[in-house]
Amino acid sequence: MICRALWLVLFCLCLVPEAKALWVDKTFTVMGTVARVRLWHDDAKQAEMAVEAVEREMHRIDAALSPFRPDSELSRVNAHAAKTPIPVSDELFRLLLQANAVSRKTNGAFDVTFSSVGFLYDFRRKKAPDAKTIAQRRPLINYRAIILNPAKQTVAFAHTGMRIDLGGIAKGYAVDRCIQLLRQYGVREALVSAGGDSYALGDNFGKLWRIGIQHPRQQDAVIRVLPVKDTAVSTSGDYERFFIDEHGNRIHHIINPKTGKPVQGIESVTILAPNTTLSDALSTSVFVLGVQKGLTLVESMPNVSAVIVDSQGNVHYSSDLVSKSVP
């Protein structure tokens, strides 16, 4: 199901009429979602090359980190790491270190081993594991059981049956990598997004980029519009991948590591942060923690902001956004 966590409210703001041709905009499908790159460059040829580089990079990361592709590096780890330590690339090893750092910071609210239970949820067939199965497999959710060996750059699992899924951090990482590429091409104004994760590079020629937060229960509405520059914005919502079960419960993809079940009490979380790898991971973390603990976490971190919509439709802000009177 295509993620619609963010509406990108973009304005084609050009300084002079002839400069319009130098805005380049492309949308494509990757990592199970819709990605978009929009940029300005003084050289039209360089602009096109930059856009192509972004698309290639996102597909490369998807090929390496997808848990659904049997030939991906991540799938190889899931298949063999419980039997023997698996040598991995610098990229995957660094990303796992970053994921573990967030896990420690959030006391396990963020945990890539959630997939040890999470893979049993089939959103296309509208199937969820039964309570007995969840209870049996829930002890396998434990980021501390991922054994990372920096000297040999290997990954091992302490328990048979463990699985990892980087869905809570990989798209943000992909956006950051693409922003790095764009800077190498000399791009200073751009917006790159992958599903609910975006980075606004520059200030849109002084007018700021405007990113809308989708209303969790109204597909064609936004609840807030955030004017941003040089900022990462990530939204996690219970409307991205879900189904309604026979009891009327919303079964969605954001799993509480402590229960192995979908989180209750929150509809969406939007995080603003210096980079998209962090904002992606924190949007999931705060969703799991809930309003009060989530805001406490955000307030403890420099240059991080949050907008949270609870299950009653109430909107909560971190204190810095309250002081700025977000529209």
Protein backbone atom coordinates (compact mmCIF):
# COMPACT_ATOMS: atom_id res chain seq x y z
CA MET A 1 0.00 0.00 0.00
CA ILE A 2 1.49 3.30 -1.02
CA CYS A 3 2.46 5.38 1.99
CA ARG A 4 0.69 8.70 2.27
CA ALA A 5 2.21 9.84 5.55
CA LEU A 6 3.10 13.28 4.18
CA TRP A 7 1.52 15.60 1.65
CA LEU A 8 4.24 17.63 0.06
CA VAL A 9 2.83 21.11 -0.45
CA LEU A 10 5.26 22.55 -2.96
CA PHE A 11 5.30 25.93 -4.57
CA CYS A 12 7.16 26.48 -7.82
CA LEU A 13 8.83 29.71 -6.77
CA CYS A 14 11.26 31.06 -9.33
CA LEU A 15 13.13 34.32 -9.26
CA VAL A 16 12.88 35.05 -12.99
CA PRO A 17 10.60 33.57 -15.69
CA GLU A 18 13.42 31.96 -17.70
CA ALA A 19 14.64 30.09 -14.59
CA LYS A 20 11.55 27.83 -14.51
CA ALA A 21 13.19 25.33 -16.85
CA LEU A 22 15.84 24.66 -14.24
CA TRP A 23 13.39 23.20 -11.74
CA VAL A 24 13.44 19.43 -12.20
CA ASP A 25 10.81 17.21 -10.59
CA LYS A 26 10.53 13.41 -10.70
CA THR A 27 8.36 10.84 -8.92
CA PHE A 28 9.04 7.10 -8.89
CA THR A 29 8.21 3.97 -6.90
CA VAL A 30 10.82 2.35 -4.68
CA MET A 31 11.06 0.67 -1.26
CA GLY A 32 7.34 -0.08 -1.37
CA THR A 33 6.39 3.59 -1.52
CA VAL A 34 6.44 6.71 -3.68
CA ALA A 35 9.65 8.72 -3.79
CA ARG A 36 10.06 12.22 -5.14
CA VAL A 37 12.93 14.55 -5.90
CA ARG A 38 12.47 18.21 -6.78
CA LEU A 39 15.49 20.43 -7.27
CA TRP A 40 16.91 23.60 -8.76
CA HIS A 41 20.23 23.79 -10.57
CA ASP A 42 21.90 26.46 -12.69
CA ASP A 43 22.86 23.81 -15.24
CA ALA A 44 19.94 21.88 -16.73
CA LYS A 45 22.11 18.91 -17.73
CA GLN A 46 23.58 18.66 -14.22
CA ALA A 47 20.07 18.87 -12.81
CA GLU A 48 18.92 15.88 -14.86
CA MET A 49 22.02 13.91 -13.89
CA ALA A 50 21.40 14.68 -10.22
CA VAL A 51 17.82 13.44 -10.41
CA GLU A 52 18.95 10.21 -12.10
CA ALA A 53 21.59 9.73 -9.41
CA VAL A 54 18.92 10.03 -6.70
CA GLU A 55 16.73 7.40 -8.33
CA ARG A 56 19.66 5.01 -8.79
CA GLU A 57 20.74 5.45 -5.19
CA MET A 58 17.29 4.71 -3.78
CA HIS A 59 17.01 1.56 -5.88
CA ARG A 60 20.50 0.49 -4.80
CA ILE A 61 19.63 0.88 -1.12
CA ASP A 62 16.35 -0.99 -1.64
CA ALA A 63 18.23 -3.87 -3.28
CA ALA A 64 20.59 -4.08 -0.31
CA LEU A 65 18.25 -3.49 2.64
CA SER A 66 14.85 -4.87 1.63
CA PRO A 67 13.65 -7.74 3.84
CA PHE A 68 11.33 -8.82 1.01
CA ARG A 69 14.05 -9.44 -1.60
CA PRO A 70 15.66 -12.86 -1.06
CA ASP A 71 18.91 -11.67 -2.68
CA SER A 72 19.34 -8.59 -0.45
CA GLU A 73 22.13 -8.30 2.08
CA LEU A 74 19.56 -7.95 4.86
CA SER A 75 17.79 -11.16 3.80
CA ARG A 76 21.13 -12.98 3.89
CA VAL A 77 21.62 -11.81 7.47
CA ASN A 78 18.12 -12.91 8.47
CA ALA A 79 18.65 -16.33 6.90
CA HIS A 80 22.02 -17.15 8.46
CA ALA A 81 22.96 -14.86 11.38
CA ALA A 82 21.47 -17.20 14.01
CA LYS A 83 23.82 -19.94 12.79
CA THR A 84 27.07 -18.06 12.30
CA PRO A 85 28.37 -14.47 12.28
CA ILE A 86 27.76 -12.91 8.86
CA PRO A 87 30.24 -10.41 7.36
CA VAL A 88 28.36 -7.34 6.13
CA SER A 89 29.08 -4.14 4.24
CA ASP A 90 30.24 -0.94 5.92
CA GLU A 91 26.84 0.55 5.09
CA LEU A 92 24.74 -2.10 6.77
CA PHE A 93 27.04 -2.32 9.78
CA ARG A 94 26.92 1.45 10.36
CA LEU A 95 23.15 1.50 9.97
CA LEU A 96 22.75 -1.28 12.54
CA LEU A 97 24.99 0.66 14.93
CA GLN A 98 22.77 3.71 14.45
CA ALA A 99 19.64 1.63 15.00
CA ASN A 100 21.06 0.19 18.22
CA ALA A 101 21.98 3.67 19.44
CA VAL A 102 18.35 4.78 19.00
CA SER A 103 17.18 1.60 20.72
CA ARG A 104 19.32 2.40 23.74
CA LYS A 105 18.20 6.03 23.76
CA THR A 106 14.53 5.00 23.68
CA ASN A 107 14.83 2.05 26.09
CA GLY A 108 13.82 -0.34 23.34
CA ALA A 109 10.85 1.57 21.94
CA PHE A 110 12.76 1.44 18.67
CA ASP A 111 13.85 -2.11 17.94
CA VAL A 112 14.63 -3.51 14.49
CA THR A 113 14.07 -7.04 15.79
CA PHE A 114 10.33 -6.26 15.98
CA SER A 115 10.22 -8.21 12.73
CA SER A 116 10.63 -11.44 14.71
CA VAL A 117 6.88 -11.05 15.25
CA GLY A 118 6.07 -8.31 12.76
CA PHE A 119 6.73 -10.46 9.69
CA LEU A 120 3.71 -12.57 10.64
CA TYR A 121 1.32 -9.67 9.97
CA ASP A 122 0.05 -9.95 6.39
CA PHE A 123 -1.62 -6.67 5.47
CA ARG A 124 -2.51 -7.73 1.95
CA ARG A 125 -4.39 -10.80 3.16
CA LYS A 126 -5.60 -9.01 6.32
CA LYS A 127 -4.12 -11.64 8.60
CA ALA A 128 -2.59 -11.20 12.05
CA PRO A 129 -0.85 -13.81 14.22
CA ASP A 130 -2.86 -15.25 17.07
CA ALA A 131 -2.14 -14.47 20.70
CA LYS A 132 -0.37 -17.79 21.32
CA THR A 133 2.03 -17.27 18.41
CA ILE A 134 2.79 -13.71 19.50
CA ALA A 135 3.50 -14.89 23.06
CA GLN A 136 5.86 -17.60 21.79
CA ARG A 137 7.84 -15.30 19.52
CA ARG A 138 7.77 -12.03 21.47
CA PRO A 139 10.95 -12.89 23.49
CA LEU A 140 12.81 -12.84 20.17
CA ILE A 141 12.23 -9.08 19.98
CA ASN A 142 15.37 -7.83 21.70
CA TYR A 143 17.86 -5.52 20.05
CA ARG A 144 20.46 -6.56 22.65
CA ALA A 145 20.48 -10.01 21.04
CA ILE A 146 21.98 -8.54 17.85
CA ILE A 147 25.71 -9.26 18.18
CA LEU A 148 27.78 -6.70 16.30
CA ASN A 149 31.52 -7.34 16.02
CA PRO A 150 33.30 -4.14 14.92
CA ALA A 151 36.68 -5.84 14.55
CA LYS A 152 35.38 -8.39 12.06
CA GLN A 153 32.38 -6.33 10.90
CA THR A 154 29.97 -9.22 11.39
CA VAL A 155 26.39 -9.57 12.55
CA ALA A 156 25.05 -12.51 14.53
CA PHE A 157 21.78 -13.30 16.30
CA ALA A 158 21.76 -14.76 19.79
CA HIS A 159 18.56 -16.75 19.17
CA THR A 160 17.19 -18.87 16.36
CA GLY A 161 14.10 -17.32 14.79
CA MET A 162 15.21 -13.71 15.16
CA ARG A 163 14.69 -11.34 12.24
CA ILE A 164 15.47 -7.69 11.66
CA ASP A 165 13.67 -5.14 9.51
CA LEU A 166 15.09 -1.69 8.87
CA GLY A 167 11.77 -0.25 7.72
CA GLY A 168 11.83 2.25 10.58
CA ILE A 169 15.15 3.78 9.52
CA ALA A 170 16.09 2.72 5.97
CA LYS A 171 13.95 5.20 4.02
CA GLY A 172 15.26 8.05 6.15
CA TYR A 173 18.79 6.84 5.52
CA ALA A 174 18.09 6.67 1.78
CA VAL A 175 16.87 10.28 1.78
CA ASP A 176 20.02 11.40 3.60
CA ARG A 177 22.24 9.58 1.09
CA CYS A 178 20.41 11.28 -1.77
CA ILE A 179 20.84 14.70 -0.19
CA GLN A 180 24.58 14.00 0.04
CA LEU A 181 24.62 13.15 -3.65
CA LEU A 182 22.73 16.31 -4.58
CA ARG A 183 25.24 18.44 -2.71
CA GLN A 184 28.01 16.78 -4.74
CA TYR A 185 26.19 17.88 -7.89
CA GLY A 186 26.12 21.45 -6.61
CA VAL A 187 22.41 21.44 -5.74
CA ARG A 188 21.48 23.94 -3.03
CA GLU A 189 17.67 23.90 -3.29
CA ALA A 190 15.86 20.55 -3.23
CA LEU A 191 13.23 18.41 -1.60
CA VAL A 192 13.73 14.64 -1.48
CA SER A 193 11.09 12.30 -0.07
CA ALA A 194 10.48 8.59 0.28
CA GLY A 195 7.01 7.92 1.63
CA GLY A 196 6.73 9.71 4.95
CA ASP A 197 10.37 10.80 5.12
CA SER A 198 11.60 14.06 3.59
CA TYR A 199 14.53 16.42 3.68
CA ALA A 200 14.21 20.06 2.64
CA LEU A 201 17.55 21.34 1.36
CA GLY A 202 17.92 25.12 1.30
CA ASP A 203 15.09 27.55 1.91
CA ASN A 204 13.25 27.47 -1.46
CA PHE A 205 14.76 30.81 -2.44
CA GLY A 206 13.66 32.49 0.76
CA LYS A 207 10.07 31.26 0.64
CA LEU A 208 10.69 28.07 2.70
CA TRP A 209 9.58 24.60 1.78
CA ARG A 210 6.10 23.75 3.02
CA ILE A 211 5.42 20.19 4.15
CA GLY A 212 1.91 19.20 5.08
CA ILE A 213 1.07 16.59 7.72
CA GLN A 214 -1.71 14.37 6.45
CA HIS A 215 -4.85 14.12 8.55
CA PRO A 216 -4.78 10.55 9.96
CA ARG A 217 -8.47 9.96 9.29
CA GLN A 218 -9.16 12.18 6.27
CA GLN A 219 -7.21 11.12 3.22
CA ASP A 220 -7.60 14.41 1.35
CA ALA A 221 -6.85 16.75 4.26
CA VAL A 222 -3.85 18.03 6.16
CA ILE A 223 -3.80 18.92 9.84
CA ARG A 224 -0.82 21.27 9.75
CA VAL A 225 1.62 22.77 7.25
CA LEU A 226 5.23 23.10 8.37
CA PRO A 227 7.43 25.77 6.76
CA VAL A 228 10.99 24.40 6.87
CA LYS A 229 14.53 24.80 5.56
CA ASP A 230 17.54 22.48 5.84
CA THR A 231 15.42 20.16 7.94
CA ALA A 232 14.35 16.52 7.96
CA VAL A 233 10.67 15.71 8.48
CA SER A 234 9.31 12.19 9.07
CA THR A 235 5.79 11.02 9.81
CA SER A 236 4.70 7.61 11.06
CA GLY A 237 0.98 6.88 10.96
CA ASP A 238 -1.41 4.05 11.72
CA TYR A 239 -3.03 4.64 8.31
CA GLU A 240 0.00 3.69 6.18
CA ARG A 241 -0.42 -0.09 6.24
CA PHE A 242 -3.41 -1.44 8.12
CA PHE A 243 -6.61 -3.41 8.04
CA ILE A 244 -9.68 -3.58 10.28
CA ASP A 245 -10.14 -7.01 11.85
CA GLU A 246 -13.39 -8.83 12.56
CA HIS A 247 -13.64 -7.12 15.95
CA GLY A 248 -13.32 -3.65 14.48
CA ASN A 249 -9.72 -3.18 15.65
CA ARG A 250 -7.23 -1.30 13.49
CA ILE A 251 -4.28 -3.61 12.85
CA HIS A 252 -1.36 -1.56 11.58
CA HIS A 253 2.36 -1.97 10.96
CA ILE A 254 3.86 -0.08 13.91
CA ILE A 255 4.53 -2.82 16.43
CA ASN A 256 5.15 -2.29 20.14
CA PRO A 257 8.32 -4.32 20.86
CA LYS A 258 7.10 -5.06 24.38
CA THR A 259 3.84 -6.67 23.24
CA GLY A 260 4.39 -7.75 19.64
CA LYS A 261 1.10 -6.02 18.80
CA PRO A 262 0.20 -2.78 17.00
CA VAL A 263 0.53 0.34 19.14
CA GLN A 264 -2.69 1.81 20.48
CA GLY A 265 -3.42 5.41 21.49
CA ILE A 266 -1.62 7.26 18.69
CA GLU A 267 -2.68 8.04 15.12
CA SER A 268 0.41 9.81 13.81
CA VAL A 269 3.76 11.24 14.86
CA THR A 270 5.77 13.80 12.91
CA ILE A 271 9.39 14.51 13.83
CA LEU A 272 11.61 17.36 12.67
CA ALA A 273 15.33 16.72 13.08
CA PRO A 274 18.74 17.57 11.59
CA ASN A 275 18.84 14.41 9.43
CA THR A 276 16.26 12.01 8.07
CA THR A 277 17.85 8.83 9.43
CA LEU A 278 17.20 10.21 12.90
CA SER A 279 13.77 11.67 12.20
CA ASP A 280 12.63 8.37 10.67
CA ALA A 281 13.72 6.32 13.69
CA LEU A 282 12.34 8.84 16.18
CA SER A 283 8.91 9.02 14.54
CA THR A 284 8.55 5.28 15.17
CA SER A 285 10.03 5.56 18.66
CA VAL A 286 7.68 8.34 19.78
CA PHE A 287 4.71 6.50 18.29
CA VAL A 288 5.55 3.52 20.53
CA LEU A 289 6.30 5.62 23.61
CA GLY A 290 3.05 7.58 23.48
CA VAL A 291 2.36 11.26 23.99
CA GLN A 292 3.93 12.02 27.37
CA LYS A 293 7.00 9.78 27.21
CA GLY A 294 7.45 10.65 23.56
CA LEU A 295 7.45 14.40 24.21
CA THR A 296 9.83 13.91 27.13
CA LEU A 297 12.24 12.14 24.79
CA VAL A 298 11.95 14.85 22.15
CA GLU A 299 12.47 17.64 24.68
CA SER A 300 15.70 15.96 25.82
CA MET A 301 17.23 16.08 22.32
CA PRO A 302 18.67 19.22 20.69
CA ASN A 303 17.13 20.44 17.43
CA VAL A 304 14.34 17.84 17.50
CA SER A 305 10.63 18.74 17.38
CA ALA A 306 7.41 16.74 17.34
CA VAL A 307 3.76 16.91 16.34
CA ILE A 308 1.67 14.05 17.73
CA VAL A 309 -1.95 13.20 16.98
CA ASP A 310 -3.48 10.94 19.62
CA SER A 311 -6.32 8.46 19.15
CA GLN A 312 -8.86 11.13 20.11
CA GLY A 313 -7.65 13.40 17.33
CA ASN A 314 -5.95 15.83 19.73
CA VAL A 315 -2.74 17.45 18.43
CA HIS A 316 0.25 17.74 20.76
CA TYR A 317 3.43 19.77 20.10
CA SER A 318 6.90 19.90 21.51
CA SER A 319 7.49 23.14 23.39
CA ASP A 320 9.59 24.78 20.65
CA LEU A 321 6.75 24.45 18.14
CA VAL A 322 4.22 25.83 20.63
CA SER A 323 6.39 28.91 21.06
CA LYS A 324 6.54 29.34 17.28
CA SER A 325 2.74 29.12 16.93
CA VAL A 326 2.69 26.45 14.22
CA PRO A 327 -0.19 27.15 11.78
